[in-house]
Amino acid sequence: MAFVTHQFVRSMSSTKSLAVKHVTVIGGGLMGAGIAQVAAGAGHTVILVDQAEDILKKSLKKIGDSIGRISKKKFVDKPEAGAEFVQQTLQRISVSTDPASAVQSTDLVIEAIVENVNVKKELFKKLDTVAPEKTIFVSNTSSLPITEIAKATTREDRFGGLHFFNPVPMMKLVEVVQTPKTSQQTFEVLMNFSKALGKKPVACKDTPGFIVNRLLVPYLMEAVRLHERGHGSKEDIDVAMKLGAGYPMGPFELLDYVGLDTSKFIIEGWHEMDPSNPLFNPSALLNKLVDEGKLGKKTGEGFYKYS
């Protein structure tokens, strides 16, 4: 009993006293760079990590350009204050190609790498051996089970999900995912951290797609199936949902924006977990476009062509 009490008090006090000051973001892509930007802009010290120096250089340029645009809007009548904001934000961001050294004194690790559960588990398994006991681990995954990823570590009580939305500097929402083993203290730290970034956090359980994608992806797939059955052209379906439902983008426009490969990966993963659920059925048309390399706006063609 004394041991249990000691463990409980130690866990509670270490997490409760944690104020997130230092953040390590693993992954220098679009999402990772965006997360690093908003964290630095909110006053946190940030290390952005990726395998390649050239990716990190591109990430810093994107961050600089983005902060520059934001400062012009934020400090319309105070250009000197805007320039100072840009300078101070960029000064809070450093880069590294060595994740092990980057996490040795960090408060929070945010992973934003490829959507592959085994790759994520391998990363966290390595980081778990070098990060301080106090450090909280989170994944930015949009669809993979946080509980499964956390099993690769010895800190399942200090592991959760922070699902940001693209583009991170503009989108207010963050889904804060609490697994059955995520401690309440860890969850509260993640909620408060999200608020400190100026975001609106919503609490989620570790279910497929959390809240947004659990509703959004089946909707997108049903639009594709509707088109496959010949019950509507993609153009008419997009117009109908924009004008009839008030959506800013139609489902096919949104699929192209997100990336057809991303949607295919998500729906196939869900179908594998629950093959009896008709909402998770794959699409032959979507598979065909991905096989042809037509992934949406990023490749110049998906359901639509982009010049």
Protein backbone atom coordinates (compact mmCIF):
# COMPACT_ATOMS: atom_id res chain seq x y z
CA MET A 1 0.00 0.00 0.00
CA ALA A 2 2.83 2.36 0.83
CA PHE A 3 4.39 1.60 -2.56
CA VAL A 4 1.15 2.29 -4.40
CA THR A 5 0.67 5.55 -2.51
CA HIS A 6 4.24 6.61 -3.21
CA GLN A 7 3.86 5.83 -6.91
CA PHE A 8 0.57 7.69 -7.09
CA VAL A 9 1.92 10.79 -5.35
CA ARG A 10 5.07 10.79 -7.48
CA SER A 11 3.07 10.48 -10.70
CA MET A 12 0.56 13.10 -9.63
CA SER A 13 3.14 15.62 -8.42
CA SER A 14 5.48 15.22 -11.40
CA THR A 15 2.72 15.71 -13.94
CA LYS A 16 0.83 18.35 -12.03
CA SER A 17 3.93 20.47 -11.65
CA LEU A 18 4.74 20.19 -15.33
CA ALA A 19 4.37 23.44 -17.19
CA VAL A 20 5.15 22.88 -20.85
CA LYS A 21 8.01 25.21 -21.73
CA HIS A 22 10.12 23.08 -24.06
CA VAL A 23 8.56 21.24 -27.00
CA THR A 24 10.17 18.78 -29.40
CA VAL A 25 8.36 18.24 -32.70
CA ILE A 26 9.38 15.13 -34.64
CA GLY A 27 8.71 15.52 -38.36
CA GLY A 28 9.52 18.56 -40.47
CA GLY A 29 6.70 18.21 -42.97
CA LEU A 30 3.67 20.45 -43.37
CA MET A 31 2.05 19.47 -40.07
CA GLY A 32 5.25 19.35 -38.02
CA ALA A 33 6.39 22.75 -39.26
CA GLY A 34 2.98 24.23 -38.51
CA ILE A 35 2.95 22.82 -34.98
CA ALA A 36 6.48 24.12 -34.35
CA GLN A 37 5.41 27.55 -35.58
CA VAL A 38 2.38 27.93 -33.34
CA ALA A 39 4.26 26.57 -30.31
CA ALA A 40 7.11 29.04 -30.82
CA GLY A 41 4.64 31.84 -31.51
CA ALA A 42 3.04 31.14 -28.13
CA GLY A 43 6.39 31.52 -26.36
CA HIS A 44 7.59 27.92 -26.15
CA THR A 45 11.14 26.84 -26.89
CA VAL A 46 10.95 24.40 -29.81
CA ILE A 47 13.25 21.86 -31.43
CA LEU A 48 12.06 20.69 -34.86
CA VAL A 49 13.48 17.30 -35.81
CA ASP A 50 13.72 15.53 -39.15
CA GLN A 51 16.06 13.05 -40.80
CA ALA A 52 17.30 15.40 -43.51
CA GLU A 53 18.86 18.86 -43.30
CA ASP A 54 17.27 19.95 -46.58
CA ILE A 55 13.79 19.19 -45.24
CA LEU A 56 14.51 21.26 -42.14
CA LYS A 57 15.75 24.17 -44.28
CA LYS A 58 12.52 24.07 -46.27
CA SER A 59 10.53 23.85 -43.03
CA LEU A 60 12.21 26.94 -41.60
CA LYS A 61 11.54 28.86 -44.80
CA LYS A 62 7.85 27.87 -44.71
CA ILE A 63 7.65 28.89 -41.08
CA GLY A 64 9.33 32.22 -41.77
CA ASP A 65 7.03 32.98 -44.69
CA SER A 66 3.96 32.01 -42.67
CA ILE A 67 4.94 34.08 -39.63
CA GLY A 68 5.65 37.02 -41.93
CA ARG A 69 2.12 36.86 -43.35
CA ILE A 70 0.60 36.57 -39.90
CA SER A 71 2.61 39.50 -38.51
CA LYS A 72 1.45 41.77 -41.33
CA LYS A 73 -2.17 41.07 -40.39
CA LYS A 74 -1.58 41.12 -36.64
CA PHE A 75 0.49 44.31 -36.60
CA VAL A 76 -1.05 46.30 -39.45
CA ASP A 77 -0.18 49.68 -37.95
CA LYS A 78 2.94 48.56 -36.09
CA PRO A 79 5.46 47.15 -38.60
CA GLU A 80 8.31 47.35 -36.09
CA ALA A 81 6.36 45.24 -33.59
CA GLY A 82 5.58 42.82 -36.40
CA ALA A 83 9.24 42.47 -37.30
CA GLU A 84 10.11 41.88 -33.64
CA PHE A 85 7.41 39.20 -33.38
CA VAL A 86 8.83 37.38 -36.41
CA GLN A 87 12.37 37.58 -35.07
CA GLN A 88 11.50 36.39 -31.57
CA THR A 89 9.37 33.50 -32.87
CA LEU A 90 12.10 32.25 -35.18
CA GLN A 91 14.70 32.57 -32.41
CA ARG A 92 12.70 30.12 -30.31
CA ILE A 93 12.98 27.41 -32.99
CA SER A 94 16.08 25.28 -33.45
CA VAL A 95 16.44 22.23 -35.69
CA SER A 96 18.09 18.85 -35.31
CA THR A 97 18.55 15.57 -37.16
CA ASP A 98 19.13 13.70 -33.89
CA PRO A 99 15.83 12.93 -32.12
CA ALA A 100 17.55 11.26 -29.15
CA SER A 101 19.45 14.40 -28.19
CA ALA A 102 16.47 16.64 -28.94
CA VAL A 103 14.26 15.00 -26.28
CA GLN A 104 16.75 14.78 -23.41
CA SER A 105 15.42 17.85 -21.60
CA THR A 106 12.05 18.39 -23.22
CA ASP A 107 8.64 18.61 -21.56
CA LEU A 108 6.56 17.46 -24.51
CA VAL A 109 7.27 15.38 -27.61
CA ILE A 110 4.85 15.81 -30.52
CA GLU A 111 5.24 13.23 -33.29
CA ALA A 112 4.11 14.22 -36.80
CA ILE A 113 5.74 11.64 -39.07
CA VAL A 114 4.39 9.20 -41.66
CA GLU A 115 1.03 7.56 -40.88
CA ASN A 116 2.46 4.10 -40.24
CA VAL A 117 1.81 2.57 -36.84
CA ASN A 118 4.96 0.42 -36.84
CA VAL A 119 7.20 3.36 -37.76
CA LYS A 120 5.64 5.46 -35.01
CA LYS A 121 6.01 2.67 -32.44
CA GLU A 122 9.67 2.20 -33.32
CA LEU A 123 10.31 5.94 -32.93
CA PHE A 124 8.61 6.18 -29.54
CA LYS A 125 10.30 3.01 -28.31
CA LYS A 126 13.70 4.63 -28.92
CA LEU A 127 12.70 8.01 -27.48
CA ASP A 128 11.28 6.36 -24.37
CA THR A 129 14.76 5.23 -23.34
CA VAL A 130 16.30 8.72 -23.47
CA ALA A 131 13.51 11.19 -22.62
CA PRO A 132 13.08 12.29 -18.97
CA GLU A 133 10.45 10.53 -16.89
CA LYS A 134 8.38 13.73 -16.77
CA THR A 135 8.18 14.03 -20.57
CA ILE A 136 4.76 13.57 -22.15
CA PHE A 137 4.56 11.85 -25.54
CA VAL A 138 1.82 12.62 -28.06
CA SER A 139 1.07 11.64 -31.63
CA ASN A 140 -0.53 13.92 -34.21
CA THR A 141 -2.03 10.93 -36.02
CA SER A 142 -5.41 11.54 -37.61
CA SER A 143 -6.56 7.93 -37.70
CA LEU A 144 -4.23 5.44 -36.00
CA PRO A 145 -5.02 4.11 -32.49
CA ILE A 146 -3.06 6.03 -29.85
CA THR A 147 -3.35 3.11 -27.43
CA GLU A 148 -1.48 0.82 -29.82
CA ILE A 149 1.31 3.35 -30.40
CA ALA A 150 1.68 3.99 -26.67
CA LYS A 151 2.26 0.28 -25.99
CA ALA A 152 5.77 0.69 -27.40
CA THR A 153 6.69 2.80 -24.35
CA THR A 154 6.81 2.49 -20.58
CA ARG A 155 4.84 5.73 -20.13
CA GLU A 156 1.32 4.90 -21.27
CA ASP A 157 -0.02 7.17 -18.52
CA ARG A 158 1.96 10.05 -20.04
CA PHE A 159 0.91 9.35 -23.62
CA GLY A 160 -1.96 10.91 -25.55
CA GLY A 161 -2.99 12.40 -28.86
CA LEU A 162 -2.92 15.97 -30.15
CA HIS A 163 -4.54 16.01 -33.56
CA PHE A 164 -3.97 19.39 -35.21
CA PHE A 165 -5.62 20.38 -38.47
CA ASN A 166 -4.11 21.73 -41.67
CA PRO A 167 -3.07 24.51 -42.00
CA VAL A 168 -2.05 24.46 -38.35
CA PRO A 169 -1.50 28.24 -37.92
CA MET A 170 -5.02 28.96 -39.21
CA MET A 171 -7.14 26.07 -37.93
CA LYS A 172 -8.36 26.60 -34.36
CA LEU A 173 -9.35 23.04 -33.54
CA VAL A 174 -7.19 20.49 -31.72
CA GLU A 175 -8.52 17.03 -30.83
CA VAL A 176 -7.02 16.00 -27.48
CA VAL A 177 -7.12 12.21 -27.30
CA GLN A 178 -7.20 10.40 -23.97
CA THR A 179 -6.61 6.65 -24.02
CA PRO A 180 -7.85 4.37 -21.22
CA LYS A 181 -4.37 4.61 -19.70
CA THR A 182 -3.73 8.34 -20.18
CA SER A 183 -3.72 9.90 -16.72
CA GLN A 184 -6.12 12.73 -15.96
CA GLN A 185 -3.15 14.94 -15.11
CA THR A 186 -1.57 14.28 -18.52
CA PHE A 187 -4.88 14.98 -20.24
CA GLU A 188 -5.23 18.30 -18.41
CA VAL A 189 -1.68 19.31 -19.34
CA LEU A 190 -2.48 18.64 -23.00
CA MET A 191 -5.73 20.59 -22.83
CA ASN A 192 -3.99 23.56 -21.22
CA PHE A 193 -1.12 23.40 -23.69
CA SER A 194 -3.59 23.51 -26.59
CA LYS A 195 -5.31 26.53 -25.08
CA ALA A 196 -1.95 28.24 -24.60
CA LEU A 197 -1.42 27.93 -28.36
CA GLY A 198 -4.65 29.84 -28.93
CA LYS A 199 -6.47 26.72 -30.05
CA LYS A 200 -9.89 25.34 -29.14
CA PRO A 201 -9.33 21.82 -27.77
CA VAL A 202 -12.04 19.17 -27.71
CA ALA A 203 -11.81 15.99 -25.64
CA CYS A 204 -11.76 12.73 -27.59
CA LYS A 205 -11.64 9.07 -26.77
CA ASP A 206 -9.28 6.78 -28.66
CA THR A 207 -11.77 5.57 -31.27
CA PRO A 208 -11.23 5.35 -35.07
CA GLY A 209 -10.93 8.88 -36.46
CA PHE A 210 -11.64 10.49 -33.07
CA ILE A 211 -14.45 13.00 -33.80
CA VAL A 212 -13.82 14.91 -37.03
CA ASN A 213 -12.47 12.14 -39.24
CA ARG A 214 -14.88 9.58 -37.81
CA LEU A 215 -17.69 11.69 -39.26
CA LEU A 216 -15.84 13.21 -42.22
CA VAL A 217 -14.18 10.20 -43.87
CA PRO A 218 -17.36 8.07 -44.13
CA TYR A 219 -19.12 11.10 -45.62
CA LEU A 220 -16.37 11.51 -48.22
CA MET A 221 -16.41 7.80 -49.04
CA GLU A 222 -20.19 7.77 -49.41
CA ALA A 223 -19.88 10.63 -51.91
CA VAL A 224 -17.43 8.52 -53.94
CA ARG A 225 -19.78 5.50 -53.79
CA LEU A 226 -22.70 7.70 -54.88
CA HIS A 227 -20.66 8.75 -57.90
CA GLU A 228 -19.53 5.17 -58.57
CA ARG A 229 -23.17 4.02 -58.69
CA GLY A 230 -23.89 6.67 -61.31
CA HIS A 231 -26.26 8.57 -59.02
CA GLY A 232 -24.51 11.90 -59.48
CA SER A 233 -21.53 13.51 -61.18
CA LYS A 234 -18.70 14.66 -58.98
CA GLU A 235 -19.37 18.24 -60.09
CA ASP A 236 -23.06 18.07 -59.15
CA ILE A 237 -22.36 16.37 -55.83
CA ASP A 238 -19.84 19.09 -54.94
CA VAL A 239 -22.28 21.88 -55.89
CA ALA A 240 -25.12 20.20 -53.99
CA MET A 241 -23.16 19.91 -50.75
CA LYS A 242 -21.84 23.47 -50.97
CA LEU A 243 -25.16 25.11 -51.74
CA GLY A 244 -27.47 22.67 -49.97
CA ALA A 245 -25.49 21.88 -46.84
CA GLY A 246 -23.46 25.09 -46.61
CA TYR A 247 -20.10 23.31 -46.82
CA PRO A 248 -17.21 25.51 -48.03
CA MET A 249 -15.88 22.67 -50.21
CA GLY A 250 -17.58 19.74 -51.91
CA PRO A 251 -16.49 16.20 -51.00
CA PHE A 252 -14.45 15.65 -54.16
CA GLU A 253 -12.75 19.03 -53.82
CA LEU A 254 -11.92 18.16 -50.23
CA LEU A 255 -10.63 14.70 -51.13
CA ASP A 256 -8.27 16.29 -53.67
CA TYR A 257 -7.14 18.85 -51.09
CA VAL A 258 -6.48 16.26 -48.38
CA GLY A 259 -4.81 13.79 -50.75
CA LEU A 260 -6.45 10.67 -52.15
CA ASP A 261 -3.66 8.49 -50.80
CA THR A 262 -4.35 9.77 -47.29
CA SER A 263 -8.06 8.97 -47.50
CA LYS A 264 -7.31 5.55 -49.00
CA PHE A 265 -4.88 4.78 -46.19
CA ILE A 266 -7.38 5.78 -43.51
CA ILE A 267 -10.33 3.84 -44.90
CA GLU A 268 -8.25 0.72 -45.52
CA GLY A 269 -6.97 0.81 -41.95
CA TRP A 270 -10.48 1.12 -40.56
CA HIS A 271 -11.75 -1.63 -42.88
CA GLU A 272 -9.02 -3.93 -41.61
CA MET A 273 -10.05 -3.22 -38.00
CA ASP A 274 -13.80 -3.60 -38.66
CA PRO A 275 -14.49 -5.30 -42.04
CA SER A 276 -18.18 -5.77 -41.24
CA ASN A 277 -18.84 -2.02 -41.06
CA PRO A 278 -20.18 -0.86 -44.47
CA LEU A 279 -19.07 2.71 -43.74
CA PHE A 280 -15.49 1.46 -43.87
CA ASN A 281 -15.71 -0.27 -47.25
CA PRO A 282 -12.91 0.72 -49.68
CA SER A 283 -13.62 2.27 -53.08
CA ALA A 284 -12.47 0.78 -56.39
CA LEU A 285 -12.43 4.23 -58.00
CA LEU A 286 -10.35 5.75 -55.23
CA ASN A 287 -7.91 2.82 -55.38
CA LYS A 288 -7.60 3.21 -59.16
CA LEU A 289 -6.75 6.91 -58.98
CA VAL A 290 -4.14 6.31 -56.27
CA ASP A 291 -2.58 3.46 -58.27
CA GLU A 292 -2.31 5.85 -61.24
CA GLY A 293 -0.51 8.42 -59.08
CA LYS A 294 -3.43 10.84 -59.22
CA LEU A 295 -3.41 11.92 -55.59
CA GLY A 296 -5.12 15.30 -55.81
CA LYS A 297 -3.83 18.86 -55.82
CA LYS A 298 -0.33 17.86 -54.72
CA THR A 299 0.21 15.87 -57.93
CA GLY A 300 -1.82 18.11 -60.24
CA GLU A 301 -4.66 15.65 -60.72
CA GLY A 302 -7.09 13.66 -58.62
CA PHE A 303 -10.83 13.69 -59.14
CA TYR A 304 -10.15 17.04 -60.86
CA LYS A 305 -7.24 18.35 -62.92
CA TYR A 306 -5.21 21.30 -61.65
CA SER A 307 -3.08 23.43 -63.95
